[in-house]
């Protein structure tokens, strides 16, 4: 069974979050992002074994015991938007909103038909569209500078940046991960 372990480096304590209820196969975590308040964790997970289902969940490790959304998990699923779309990955922004990759049309579809890079609230409400993604590429490594004015993401091996809502531009290529320092 896959577990997500949150370790308190100052106190040494650990919180273990399981993926599901033990009856279903474990769902691998693909990306983690702490909220600005350091109390909530955005968990991108999937695909689930034997399916293409993916999950984007806001979890409070102090109260949750599972990182997938359910009535008893303590996690809150981020509503995906239009019917059939789903979030592939995401990250918290400095103001508490989320920067996400939303793809269409169904998690089990053999081919993604569209990809949008969005800023949304944790409850799933659209704040703004950051850019258009490429349907045939993954868009990992979401991030923002400490002010939230600069957003970065990878599109395949290409690093894109967006400043204050302007159209994203390609900065460089040949990367597998990126983050602010």
Protein backbone atom coordinates (compact mmCIF):
# COMPACT_ATOMS: atom_id res chain seq x y z
CA UNK A 1 0.00 0.00 0.00
CA UNK A 2 1.34 3.45 -0.93
CA UNK A 3 1.52 5.98 1.87
CA UNK A 4 2.25 9.65 2.03
CA UNK A 5 4.35 10.53 5.08
CA UNK A 6 4.48 14.08 6.45
CA UNK A 7 7.42 14.45 8.84
CA UNK A 8 7.75 17.36 11.27
CA UNK A 9 11.48 18.10 11.11
CA UNK A 10 11.42 20.27 14.21
CA UNK A 11 9.49 17.88 16.45
CA UNK A 12 10.25 14.58 14.73
CA UNK A 13 6.64 13.42 14.56
CA UNK A 14 5.14 11.76 11.48
CA UNK A 15 1.67 11.72 9.98
CA UNK A 16 0.94 8.83 7.63
CA UNK A 17 -1.75 9.30 4.99
CA UNK A 18 -2.97 6.23 3.10
CA UNK A 19 -4.26 6.50 -0.47
CA UNK A 20 -7.58 4.73 0.01
CA UNK A 21 -9.58 2.52 2.30
CA UNK A 22 -7.35 -0.54 1.92
CA UNK A 23 -9.82 -2.35 -0.35
CA UNK A 24 -8.78 -0.51 -3.52
CA UNK A 25 -5.30 -0.60 -5.06
CA UNK A 26 -3.01 2.29 -3.98
CA UNK A 27 -2.95 5.43 -6.09
CA UNK A 28 0.53 6.95 -6.64
CA UNK A 29 1.21 10.59 -5.76
CA UNK A 30 2.54 12.63 -8.71
CA UNK A 31 3.00 16.07 -7.11
CA UNK A 32 2.75 17.75 -3.69
CA UNK A 33 2.41 21.44 -2.84
CA UNK A 34 2.11 23.11 0.57
CA UNK A 35 -0.39 25.94 1.07
CA UNK A 36 1.08 29.31 2.10
CA UNK A 37 -0.19 28.70 5.66
CA UNK A 38 1.82 25.40 5.78
CA UNK A 39 -1.25 23.61 7.13
CA UNK A 40 -2.81 22.20 3.97
CA UNK A 41 -1.27 20.03 1.30
CA UNK A 42 -2.39 19.82 -2.33
CA UNK A 43 -1.99 16.23 -3.48
CA UNK A 44 -1.99 15.29 -7.18
CA UNK A 45 -2.42 11.54 -7.52
CA UNK A 46 -3.01 9.00 -10.26
CA UNK A 47 -3.60 7.31 -12.44
CA UNK A 48 -5.26 4.69 -10.31
CA UNK A 49 -4.12 1.13 -11.13
CA UNK A 50 -6.32 -0.40 -13.81
CA UNK A 51 -7.82 2.98 -14.77
CA UNK A 52 -6.85 6.46 -15.84
CA UNK A 53 -8.52 8.20 -12.88
CA UNK A 54 -6.61 11.12 -11.39
CA UNK A 55 -7.25 13.12 -8.23
CA UNK A 56 -6.49 16.61 -6.94
CA UNK A 57 -7.18 16.88 -3.21
CA UNK A 58 -6.58 19.51 -0.52
CA UNK A 59 -5.61 17.69 2.68
CA UNK A 60 -5.02 18.92 6.23
CA UNK A 61 -2.51 16.37 7.59
CA UNK A 62 -3.51 17.30 11.17
CA UNK A 63 -7.00 15.86 10.63
CA UNK A 64 -6.87 13.68 7.50
CA UNK A 65 -5.86 10.03 7.35
CA UNK A 66 -6.12 9.54 3.58
CA UNK A 67 -4.93 11.60 0.64
CA UNK A 68 -7.77 10.67 -1.72
CA UNK A 69 -11.16 12.35 -1.38
CA UNK A 70 -13.97 10.41 0.30
CA UNK A 71 -16.62 10.98 2.93
CA UNK A 72 -14.25 9.81 5.68
CA UNK A 73 -10.82 10.79 4.30
CA UNK A 74 -10.57 14.32 5.63
CA UNK A 75 -9.48 15.45 2.14
CA UNK A 76 -11.49 17.76 -0.08
CA UNK A 77 -11.56 17.05 -3.81
CA UNK A 78 -11.04 20.09 -6.00
CA UNK A 79 -14.07 20.10 -8.37
CA UNK A 80 -12.71 19.61 -11.91
CA UNK A 81 -14.94 21.99 -13.87
CA UNK A 82 -16.72 20.99 -17.07
CA UNK A 83 -18.12 17.48 -17.26
CA UNK A 84 -15.51 14.92 -18.26
CA UNK A 85 -12.50 17.15 -17.54
CA UNK A 86 -9.98 16.40 -14.81
CA UNK A 87 -6.91 17.91 -13.19
CA UNK A 88 -3.62 16.27 -14.00
CA UNK A 89 -1.43 18.25 -11.56
CA UNK A 90 -1.40 21.47 -9.57
CA UNK A 91 0.31 23.64 -6.97
CA UNK A 92 -0.66 26.23 -4.37
CA UNK A 93 0.05 29.87 -5.21
CA UNK A 94 1.22 32.38 -2.55
CA UNK A 95 -2.32 33.81 -2.15
CA UNK A 96 -3.86 30.36 -1.52
CA UNK A 97 -5.30 29.85 -5.00
CA UNK A 98 -4.21 26.89 -7.14
CA UNK A 99 -2.27 26.76 -10.43
CA UNK A 100 -3.48 23.65 -12.26
CA UNK A 101 -3.44 21.72 -15.50
CA UNK A 102 -6.99 20.76 -16.54
CA UNK A 103 -7.39 18.33 -19.40
CA UNK A 104 -10.48 17.26 -21.26
CA UNK A 105 -12.44 15.06 -21.85
CA UNK A 106 -12.52 11.99 -19.64
CA UNK A 107 -9.91 10.40 -17.45
CA UNK A 108 -10.35 7.13 -19.35
CA UNK A 109 -10.23 8.68 -22.81
CA UNK A 110 -7.50 7.30 -25.05
CA UNK A 111 -6.56 10.79 -26.22
CA UNK A 112 -6.57 14.16 -24.47
CA UNK A 113 -8.36 16.70 -26.67
CA UNK A 114 -7.51 19.91 -24.79
CA UNK A 115 -5.28 21.18 -22.01
CA UNK A 116 -5.73 24.41 -20.08
CA UNK A 117 -3.41 25.97 -17.51
CA UNK A 118 -5.64 27.74 -14.98
CA UNK A 119 -5.59 29.65 -11.74
CA UNK A 120 -8.53 28.47 -9.62
CA UNK A 121 -9.72 28.77 -6.04
CA UNK A 122 -9.39 25.66 -3.83
CA UNK A 123 -13.16 25.21 -4.28
CA UNK A 124 -12.67 24.99 -8.06
CA UNK A 125 -13.85 28.45 -9.15
CA UNK A 126 -11.98 29.88 -12.13
CA UNK A 127 -9.84 32.93 -11.33
CA UNK A 128 -8.19 33.16 -14.76
CA UNK A 129 -6.78 31.17 -17.62
CA UNK A 130 -2.97 31.31 -17.60
CA UNK A 131 -2.38 29.60 -20.93
CA UNK A 132 -3.18 26.83 -23.35
CA UNK A 133 -1.33 23.58 -22.87
CA UNK A 134 -0.37 21.08 -25.51
CA UNK A 135 -2.77 18.09 -25.46
CA UNK A 136 0.04 15.65 -26.27
CA UNK A 137 2.36 16.75 -23.39
CA UNK A 138 2.42 16.57 -19.63
CA UNK A 139 2.55 19.91 -17.80
CA UNK A 140 4.32 19.29 -14.47
CA UNK A 141 6.46 21.47 -12.18
CA UNK A 142 3.96 24.23 -11.46
CA UNK A 143 5.21 27.10 -9.37
CA UNK A 144 5.13 30.78 -8.58
CA UNK A 145 7.60 33.28 -7.24
CA UNK A 146 6.93 34.47 -3.65
CA UNK A 147 4.85 37.41 -4.92
CA UNK A 148 2.66 35.27 -7.17
CA UNK A 149 3.36 37.55 -10.13
CA UNK A 150 5.56 35.08 -12.02
CA UNK A 151 4.17 31.64 -12.79
CA UNK A 152 6.24 28.78 -14.21
CA UNK A 153 5.39 25.39 -15.63
CA UNK A 154 6.90 22.77 -17.84
CA UNK A 155 5.24 21.70 -21.07
CA UNK A 156 7.09 18.53 -21.91
CA UNK A 157 10.75 19.64 -21.74
CA UNK A 158 9.95 23.35 -22.32
CA UNK A 159 9.92 25.89 -19.47
CA UNK A 160 7.21 28.54 -19.78
CA UNK A 161 6.84 31.72 -17.69
CA UNK A 162 3.92 34.13 -17.33
CA UNK A 163 4.11 37.56 -15.66
CA UNK A 164 1.00 39.17 -14.14
CA UNK A 165 -1.47 37.46 -16.44
CA UNK A 166 0.43 38.07 -19.68
CA UNK A 167 0.59 35.29 -22.25
CA UNK A 168 3.16 32.66 -21.24
CA UNK A 169 6.44 32.57 -23.14
CA UNK A 170 8.98 29.80 -23.59
CA UNK A 171 12.19 30.55 -21.69
CA UNK A 172 14.22 27.42 -22.38
CA UNK A 173 13.97 23.71 -23.22
CA UNK A 174 15.54 20.39 -22.25
CA UNK A 175 14.25 20.27 -18.63
CA UNK A 176 12.58 17.50 -16.63
CA UNK A 177 11.67 19.58 -13.54
CA UNK A 178 11.71 23.24 -12.50
CA UNK A 179 11.12 25.25 -9.30
CA UNK A 180 11.69 28.75 -7.88
CA UNK A 181 14.57 29.33 -5.50
